[in-house]
């Protein structure tokens, strides 16, 4: 979308467009229902950020996603002329 705006307007229009999108996200968050999570049945390890990362790393689809993302980013960074 920014490329299409850039064809018709100056660069500062994109900055203002992104500022408006960020402000609208701040307004829209008011309309989201609060999370109704019962965390009393979780252990302390599950509630910690490290425990959450360990739980993610135990999921095979998540590990596959990390591998694909690393390959894509690695190929982008290793491309000649970059």
PDB file of N, CA and C in Angstrom:
ATOM      1  N   UNK A   1       0.821  -1.183   0.000  1.00  0.00           N
ATOM      2  CA  UNK A   1       0.000   0.000   0.000  1.00  0.00           C
ATOM      3  C   UNK A   1       0.878   1.265   0.000  1.00  0.00           C
ATOM      4  N   UNK A   2       1.974   1.219   0.732  1.00  0.00           N
ATOM      5  CA  UNK A   2       2.837   2.400   0.808  1.00  0.00           C
ATOM      6  C   UNK A   2       3.438   2.726  -0.556  1.00  0.00           C
ATOM      7  N   UNK A   3       3.750   1.705  -1.339  1.00  0.00           N
ATOM      8  CA  UNK A   3       4.295   1.941  -2.671  1.00  0.00           C
ATOM      9  C   UNK A   3       3.307   2.630  -3.579  1.00  0.00           C
ATOM     10  N   UNK A   4       2.029   2.277  -3.456  1.00  0.00           N
ATOM     11  CA  UNK A   4       1.002   2.915  -4.272  1.00  0.00           C
ATOM     12  C   UNK A   4       0.797   4.363  -3.848  1.00  0.00           C
ATOM     13  N   UNK A   5       0.888   4.628  -2.551  1.00  0.00           N
ATOM     14  CA  UNK A   5       0.774   6.011  -2.075  1.00  0.00           C
ATOM     15  C   UNK A   5       1.973   6.814  -2.549  1.00  0.00           C
ATOM     16  N   UNK A   6       3.137   6.192  -2.549  1.00  0.00           N
ATOM     17  CA  UNK A   6       4.357   6.891  -2.947  1.00  0.00           C
ATOM     18  C   UNK A   6       4.325   7.304  -4.410  1.00  0.00           C
ATOM     19  N   UNK A   7       3.606   6.568  -5.244  1.00  0.00           N
ATOM     20  CA  UNK A   7       3.500   6.946  -6.655  1.00  0.00           C
ATOM     21  C   UNK A   7       2.757   8.272  -6.827  1.00  0.00           C
ATOM     22  N   UNK A   8       1.809   8.515  -5.955  1.00  0.00           N
ATOM     23  CA  UNK A   8       0.963   9.691  -6.110  1.00  0.00           C
ATOM     24  C   UNK A   8       1.308  10.838  -5.161  1.00  0.00           C
ATOM     25  N   UNK A   9       2.020  10.554  -4.085  1.00  0.00           N
ATOM     26  CA  UNK A   9       2.291  11.599  -3.087  1.00  0.00           C
ATOM     27  C   UNK A   9       3.770  11.563  -2.700  1.00  0.00           C
ATOM     28  N   UNK A  10       4.152  12.534  -1.870  1.00  0.00           N
ATOM     29  CA  UNK A  10       5.536  12.591  -1.408  1.00  0.00           C
ATOM     30  C   UNK A  10       5.753  11.592  -0.284  1.00  0.00           C
ATOM     31  N   UNK A  11       6.999  11.432   0.123  1.00  0.00           N
ATOM     32  CA  UNK A  11       7.376  10.456   1.135  1.00  0.00           C
ATOM     33  C   UNK A  11       6.733  10.742   2.494  1.00  0.00           C
ATOM     34  N   UNK A  12       6.558  12.001   2.829  1.00  0.00           N
ATOM     35  CA  UNK A  12       5.971  12.306   4.138  1.00  0.00           C
ATOM     36  C   UNK A  12       4.521  11.840   4.243  1.00  0.00           C
ATOM     37  N   UNK A  13       3.859  11.600   3.121  1.00  0.00           N
ATOM     38  CA  UNK A  13       2.497  11.067   3.166  1.00  0.00           C
ATOM     39  C   UNK A  13       2.479   9.665   3.757  1.00  0.00           C
ATOM     40  N   UNK A  14       3.527   8.889   3.489  1.00  0.00           N
ATOM     41  CA  UNK A  14       3.606   7.534   4.044  1.00  0.00           C
ATOM     42  C   UNK A  14       3.808   7.587   5.551  1.00  0.00           C
ATOM     43  N   UNK A  15       4.616   8.535   6.014  1.00  0.00           N
ATOM     44  CA  UNK A  15       4.822   8.684   7.453  1.00  0.00           C
ATOM     45  C   UNK A  15       3.503   9.022   8.131  1.00  0.00           C
ATOM     46  N   UNK A  16       2.751   9.942   7.568  1.00  0.00           N
ATOM     47  CA  UNK A  16       1.459  10.309   8.141  1.00  0.00           C
ATOM     48  C   UNK A  16       0.462   9.157   8.041  1.00  0.00           C
ATOM     49  N   UNK A  17       0.516   8.407   6.962  1.00  0.00           N
ATOM     50  CA  UNK A  17      -0.380   7.263   6.817  1.00  0.00           C
ATOM     51  C   UNK A  17      -0.101   6.226   7.904  1.00  0.00           C
ATOM     52  N   UNK A  18       1.167   5.929   8.150  1.00  0.00           N
ATOM     53  CA  UNK A  18       1.507   4.965   9.187  1.00  0.00           C
ATOM     54  C   UNK A  18       1.165   5.498  10.576  1.00  0.00           C
ATOM     55  N   UNK A  19       1.323   6.783  10.797  1.00  0.00           N
ATOM     56  CA  UNK A  19       0.938   7.371  12.078  1.00  0.00           C
ATOM     57  C   UNK A  19      -0.569   7.237  12.297  1.00  0.00           C
ATOM     58  N   UNK A  20      -1.341   7.465  11.248  1.00  0.00           N
ATOM     59  CA  UNK A  20      -2.796   7.324  11.365  1.00  0.00           C
ATOM     60  C   UNK A  20      -3.197   5.870  11.612  1.00  0.00           C
ATOM     61  N   UNK A  21      -2.525   4.937  10.957  1.00  0.00           N
ATOM     62  CA  UNK A  21      -2.820   3.519  11.189  1.00  0.00           C
ATOM     63  C   UNK A  21      -2.475   3.108  12.619  1.00  0.00           C
ATOM     64  N   UNK A  22      -1.363   3.605  13.138  1.00  0.00           N
ATOM     65  CA  UNK A  22      -0.980   3.295  14.506  1.00  0.00           C
ATOM     66  C   UNK A  22      -1.977   3.898  15.496  1.00  0.00           C
ATOM     67  N   UNK A  23      -2.412   5.121  15.247  1.00  0.00           N
ATOM     68  CA  UNK A  23      -3.404   5.759  16.124  1.00  0.00           C
ATOM     69  C   UNK A  23      -4.736   5.020  16.064  1.00  0.00           C
ATOM     70  N   UNK A  24      -5.133   4.585  14.882  1.00  0.00           N
ATOM     71  CA  UNK A  24      -6.398   3.855  14.773  1.00  0.00           C
ATOM     72  C   UNK A  24      -6.314   2.497  15.463  1.00  0.00           C
ATOM     73  N   UNK A  25      -5.140   1.883  15.484  1.00  0.00           N
ATOM     74  CA  UNK A  25      -4.982   0.630  16.225  1.00  0.00           C
ATOM     75  C   UNK A  25      -5.139   0.876  17.722  1.00  0.00           C
ATOM     76  N   UNK A  26      -4.644   1.999  18.197  1.00  0.00           N
ATOM     77  CA  UNK A  26      -4.813   2.354  19.603  1.00  0.00           C
ATOM     78  C   UNK A  26      -6.271   2.581  19.977  1.00  0.00           C
ATOM     79  N   UNK A  27      -7.032   3.157  19.057  1.00  0.00           N
ATOM     80  CA  UNK A  27      -8.466   3.362  19.301  1.00  0.00           C
ATOM     81  C   UNK A  27      -9.211   2.031  19.206  1.00  0.00           C
ATOM     82  N   UNK A  28      -8.850   1.209  18.240  1.00  0.00           N
ATOM     83  CA  UNK A  28      -9.559  -0.055  18.022  1.00  0.00           C
ATOM     84  C   UNK A  28      -9.368  -1.024  19.174  1.00  0.00           C
ATOM     85  N   UNK A  29      -8.262  -0.925  19.889  1.00  0.00           N
ATOM     86  CA  UNK A  29      -8.014  -1.855  20.986  1.00  0.00           C
ATOM     87  C   UNK A  29      -9.036  -1.666  22.109  1.00  0.00           C
ATOM     88  N   UNK A  30      -9.655  -0.508  22.182  1.00  0.00           N
ATOM     89  CA  UNK A  30     -10.689  -0.267  23.196  1.00  0.00           C
ATOM     90  C   UNK A  30     -11.912  -1.142  22.975  1.00  0.00           C
ATOM     91  N   UNK A  31     -12.128  -1.580  21.744  1.00  0.00           N
ATOM     92  CA  UNK A  31     -13.318  -2.351  21.415  1.00  0.00           C
ATOM     93  C   UNK A  31     -13.098  -3.857  21.486  1.00  0.00           C
ATOM     94  N   UNK A  32     -11.889  -4.266  21.816  1.00  0.00           N
ATOM     95  CA  UNK A  32     -11.584  -5.689  21.930  1.00  0.00           C
ATOM     96  C   UNK A  32     -12.002  -6.170  23.317  1.00  0.00           C
ATOM     97  N   UNK A  33     -12.665  -7.302  23.363  1.00  0.00           N
ATOM     98  CA  UNK A  33     -13.103  -7.858  24.641  1.00  0.00           C
ATOM     99  C   UNK A  33     -11.889  -8.279  25.465  1.00  0.00           C
ATOM    100  N   UNK A  34     -11.967  -8.107  26.773  1.00  0.00           N
ATOM    101  CA  UNK A  34     -10.825  -8.510  27.600  1.00  0.00           C
ATOM    102  C   UNK A  34     -10.642 -10.024  27.572  1.00  0.00           C
ATOM    103  N   UNK A  35      -9.414 -10.437  27.745  1.00  0.00           N
ATOM    104  CA  UNK A  35      -9.064 -11.847  27.745  1.00  0.00           C
ATOM    105  C   UNK A  35      -9.570 -12.479  29.028  1.00  0.00           C
ATOM    106  N   UNK A  36     -10.336 -13.524  28.895  1.00  0.00           N
ATOM    107  CA  UNK A  36     -10.880 -14.215  30.055  1.00  0.00           C
ATOM    108  C   UNK A  36     -10.077 -15.490  30.273  1.00  0.00           C
ATOM    109  N   UNK A  37      -8.893 -15.326  30.795  1.00  0.00           N
ATOM    110  CA  UNK A  37      -8.010 -16.468  31.000  1.00  0.00           C
ATOM    111  C   UNK A  37      -7.939 -16.799  32.479  1.00  0.00           C
ATOM    112  N   UNK A  38      -8.077 -18.065  32.771  1.00  0.00           N
ATOM    113  CA  UNK A  38      -7.949 -18.531  34.145  1.00  0.00           C
ATOM    114  C   UNK A  38      -6.538 -19.067  34.315  1.00  0.00           C
ATOM    115  N   UNK A  39      -5.690 -18.263  34.907  1.00  0.00           N
ATOM    116  CA  UNK A  39      -4.284 -18.638  35.033  1.00  0.00           C
ATOM    117  C   UNK A  39      -3.996 -19.318  36.360  1.00  0.00           C
ATOM    118  N   UNK A  40      -5.015 -19.559  37.164  1.00  0.00           N
ATOM    119  CA  UNK A  40      -4.762 -20.154  38.471  1.00  0.00           C
ATOM    120  C   UNK A  40      -4.343 -21.616  38.365  1.00  0.00           C
ATOM    121  N   UNK A  41      -4.703 -22.287  37.270  1.00  0.00           N
ATOM    122  CA  UNK A  41      -4.344 -23.687  37.132  1.00  0.00           C
ATOM    123  C   UNK A  41      -2.981 -23.898  36.471  1.00  0.00           C
ATOM    124  N   UNK A  42      -2.284 -22.823  36.115  1.00  0.00           N
ATOM    125  CA  UNK A  42      -0.960 -22.930  35.512  1.00  0.00           C
ATOM    126  C   UNK A  42       0.112 -22.986  36.595  1.00  0.00           C
ATOM    127  N   UNK A  43       1.171 -23.680  36.303  1.00  0.00           N
ATOM    128  CA  UNK A  43       2.299 -23.704  37.237  1.00  0.00           C
ATOM    129  C   UNK A  43       3.109 -22.423  37.067  1.00  0.00           C
ATOM    130  N   UNK A  44       4.001 -22.176  38.005  1.00  0.00           N
ATOM    131  CA  UNK A  44       4.845 -20.975  37.930  1.00  0.00           C
ATOM    132  C   UNK A  44       5.746 -21.033  36.702  1.00  0.00           C
ATOM    133  N   UNK A  45       6.177 -22.235  36.331  1.00  0.00           N
ATOM    134  CA  UNK A  45       7.034 -22.385  35.154  1.00  0.00           C
ATOM    135  C   UNK A  45       6.273 -22.033  33.880  1.00  0.00           C
ATOM    136  N   UNK A  46       4.998 -22.421  33.798  1.00  0.00           N
ATOM    137  CA  UNK A  46       4.194 -22.114  32.615  1.00  0.00           C
ATOM    138  C   UNK A  46       3.908 -20.621  32.506  1.00  0.00           C
ATOM    139  N   UNK A  47       3.832 -19.929  33.635  1.00  0.00           N
ATOM    140  CA  UNK A  47       3.550 -18.495  33.607  1.00  0.00           C
ATOM    141  C   UNK A  47       4.773 -17.658  33.277  1.00  0.00           C
ATOM    142  N   UNK A  48       5.954 -18.197  33.458  1.00  0.00           N
ATOM    143  CA  UNK A  48       7.159 -17.417  33.197  1.00  0.00           C
ATOM    144  C   UNK A  48       7.406 -17.322  31.692  1.00  0.00           C
ATOM    145  N   UNK A  49       8.063 -16.251  31.245  1.00  0.00           N
ATOM    146  CA  UNK A  49       8.363 -16.125  29.811  1.00  0.00           C
ATOM    147  C   UNK A  49       9.240 -17.258  29.292  1.00  0.00           C
ATOM    148  N   UNK A  50      10.170 -17.723  30.108  1.00  0.00           N
ATOM    149  CA  UNK A  50      11.046 -18.805  29.671  1.00  0.00           C
ATOM    150  C   UNK A  50      10.250 -20.096  29.542  1.00  0.00           C
ATOM    151  N   UNK A  51       9.317 -20.326  30.445  1.00  0.00           N
ATOM    152  CA  UNK A  51       8.470 -21.502  30.348  1.00  0.00           C
ATOM    153  C   UNK A  51       7.591 -21.453  29.108  1.00  0.00           C
ATOM    154  N   UNK A  52       7.136 -20.263  28.750  1.00  0.00           N
ATOM    155  CA  UNK A  52       6.337 -20.107  27.538  1.00  0.00           C
ATOM    156  C   UNK A  52       7.149 -20.385  26.289  1.00  0.00           C
ATOM    157  N   UNK A  53       8.393 -19.935  26.279  1.00  0.00           N
ATOM    158  CA  UNK A  53       9.262 -20.218  25.132  1.00  0.00           C
ATOM    159  C   UNK A  53       9.560 -21.713  25.043  1.00  0.00           C
ATOM    160  N   UNK A  54       9.750 -22.359  26.185  1.00  0.00           N
ATOM    161  CA  UNK A  54      10.001 -23.803  26.179  1.00  0.00           C
ATOM    162  C   UNK A  54       8.790 -24.546  25.634  1.00  0.00           C
ATOM    163  N   UNK A  55       7.595 -24.082  26.006  1.00  0.00           N
ATOM    164  CA  UNK A  55       6.375 -24.721  25.498  1.00  0.00           C
ATOM    165  C   UNK A  55       6.278 -24.547  23.981  1.00  0.00           C
ATOM    166  N   UNK A  56       6.634 -23.372  23.474  1.00  0.00           N
ATOM    167  CA  UNK A  56       6.613 -23.153  22.026  1.00  0.00           C
ATOM    168  C   UNK A  56       7.631 -24.033  21.312  1.00  0.00           C
ATOM    169  N   UNK A  57       8.813 -24.150  21.888  1.00  0.00           N
ATOM    170  CA  UNK A  57       9.854 -24.936  21.239  1.00  0.00           C
ATOM    171  C   UNK A  57       9.548 -26.432  21.254  1.00  0.00           C
ATOM    172  N   UNK A  58       8.635 -26.863  22.098  1.00  0.00           N
ATOM    173  CA  UNK A  58       8.223 -28.264  22.105  1.00  0.00           C
ATOM    174  C   UNK A  58       7.229 -28.565  20.986  1.00  0.00           C
ATOM    175  N   UNK A  59       6.694 -27.544  20.332  1.00  0.00           N
ATOM    176  CA  UNK A  59       5.743 -27.746  19.243  1.00  0.00           C
ATOM    177  C   UNK A  59       6.501 -27.896  17.927  1.00  0.00           C
ATOM    178  N   UNK A  60       6.292 -29.020  17.260  1.00  0.00           N
ATOM    179  CA  UNK A  60       6.994 -29.276  15.994  1.00  0.00           C
ATOM    180  C   UNK A  60       6.660 -28.248  14.910  1.00  0.00           C
ATOM    181  N   UNK A  61       5.381 -27.818  14.749  1.00  0.00           N
ATOM    182  CA  UNK A  61       5.106 -26.802  13.714  1.00  0.00           C
ATOM    183  C   UNK A  61       5.826 -25.478  13.976  1.00  0.00           C
ATOM    184  N   UNK A  62       5.981 -25.117  15.246  1.00  0.00           N
ATOM    185  CA  UNK A  62       6.679 -23.871  15.566  1.00  0.00           C
ATOM    186  C   UNK A  62       8.169 -23.988  15.229  1.00  0.00           C
ATOM    187  N   UNK A  63       8.762 -25.139  15.539  1.00  0.00           N
ATOM    188  CA  UNK A  63      10.173 -25.338  15.197  1.00  0.00           C
ATOM    189  C   UNK A  63      10.369 -25.301  13.686  1.00  0.00           C
ATOM    190  N   UNK A  64       9.438 -25.862  12.934  1.00  0.00           N
ATOM    191  CA  UNK A  64       9.509 -25.842  11.470  1.00  0.00           C
ATOM    192  C   UNK A  64       9.408 -24.409  10.957  1.00  0.00           C
ATOM    193  N   UNK A  65       8.509 -23.631  11.554  1.00  0.00           N
ATOM    194  CA  UNK A  65       8.365 -22.222  11.171  1.00  0.00           C
ATOM    195  C   UNK A  65       9.653 -21.447  11.440  1.00  0.00           C
ATOM    196  N   UNK A  66      10.283 -21.699  12.570  1.00  0.00           N
ATOM    197  CA  UNK A  66      11.554 -21.034  12.872  1.00  0.00           C
ATOM    198  C   UNK A  66      12.623 -21.403  11.860  1.00  0.00           C
ATOM    199  N   UNK A  67      12.665 -22.667  11.478  1.00  0.00           N
ATOM    200  CA  UNK A  67      13.665 -23.107  10.507  1.00  0.00           C
ATOM    201  C   UNK A  67      13.451 -22.445   9.154  1.00  0.00           C
ATOM    202  N   UNK A  68      12.201 -22.380   8.711  1.00  0.00           N
ATOM    203  CA  UNK A  68      11.902 -21.739   7.421  1.00  0.00           C
ATOM    204  C   UNK A  68      12.228 -20.253   7.479  1.00  0.00           C
ATOM    205  N   UNK A  69      11.863 -19.597   8.575  1.00  0.00           N
ATOM    206  CA  UNK A  69      12.158 -18.169   8.711  1.00  0.00           C
ATOM    207  C   UNK A  69      13.665 -17.923   8.691  1.00  0.00           C
ATOM    208  N   UNK A  70      14.430 -18.790   9.366  1.00  0.00           N
ATOM    209  CA  UNK A  70      15.889 -18.634   9.372  1.00  0.00           C
ATOM    210  C   UNK A  70      16.461 -18.831   7.977  1.00  0.00           C
ATOM    211  N   UNK A  71      15.936 -19.802   7.243  1.00  0.00           N
ATOM    212  CA  UNK A  71      16.423 -20.025   5.877  1.00  0.00           C
ATOM    213  C   UNK A  71      16.092 -18.850   4.968  1.00  0.00           C
ATOM    214  N   UNK A  72      14.894 -18.309   5.085  1.00  0.00           N
ATOM    215  CA  UNK A  72      14.499 -17.176   4.247  1.00  0.00           C
ATOM    216  C   UNK A  72      15.344 -15.957   4.582  1.00  0.00           C
ATOM    217  N   UNK A  73      15.464 -15.647   5.859  1.00  0.00           N
ATOM    218  CA  UNK A  73      16.265 -14.482   6.241  1.00  0.00           C
ATOM    219  C   UNK A  73      17.733 -14.678   5.888  1.00  0.00           C
ATOM    220  N   UNK A  74      18.237 -15.891   6.067  1.00  0.00           N
ATOM    221  CA  UNK A  74      19.623 -16.163   5.734  1.00  0.00           C
ATOM    222  C   UNK A  74      19.888 -16.032   4.241  1.00  0.00           C
ATOM    223  N   UNK A  75      18.948 -16.487   3.426  1.00  0.00           N
ATOM    224  CA  UNK A  75      19.138 -16.368   1.985  1.00  0.00           C
ATOM    225  C   UNK A  75      19.034 -14.918   1.536  1.00  0.00           C
ATOM    226  N   UNK A  76      18.219 -14.139   2.207  1.00  0.00           N
ATOM    227  CA  UNK A  76      18.098 -12.717   1.873  1.00  0.00           C
ATOM    228  C   UNK A  76      19.385 -11.978   2.229  1.00  0.00           C
ATOM    229  N   UNK A  77      19.909 -12.268   3.401  1.00  0.00           N
ATOM    230  CA  UNK A  77      21.119 -11.569   3.839  1.00  0.00           C
ATOM    231  C   UNK A  77      22.353 -12.004   3.064  1.00  0.00           C
ATOM    232  N   UNK A  78      22.356 -13.241   2.577  1.00  0.00           N
ATOM    233  CA  UNK A  78      23.508 -13.729   1.844  1.00  0.00           C
ATOM    234  C   UNK A  78      23.440 -13.493   0.348  1.00  0.00           C
ATOM    235  N   UNK A  79      22.374 -12.849  -0.109  1.00  0.00           N
ATOM    236  CA  UNK A  79      22.204 -12.613  -1.551  1.00  0.00           C
ATOM    237  C   UNK A  79      23.233 -11.588  -2.027  1.00  0.00           C
ATOM    238  N   UNK A  80      23.818 -11.805  -3.203  1.00  0.00           N
ATOM    239  CA  UNK A  80      24.799 -10.845  -3.714  1.00  0.00           C
ATOM    240  C   UNK A  80      24.136  -9.506  -4.028  1.00  0.00           C
ATOM    241  N   UNK A  81      24.878  -8.463  -3.795  1.00  0.00           N
ATOM    242  CA  UNK A  81      24.383  -7.131  -4.100  1.00  0.00           C
ATOM    243  C   UNK A  81      23.561  -6.532  -2.986  1.00  0.00           C
ATOM    244  N   UNK A  82      23.560  -7.130  -1.830  1.00  0.00           N
ATOM    245  CA  UNK A  82      22.775  -6.599  -0.690  1.00  0.00           C
ATOM    246  C   UNK A  82      23.682  -5.997   0.335  1.00  0.00           C
TER     247      UNK A  82
END
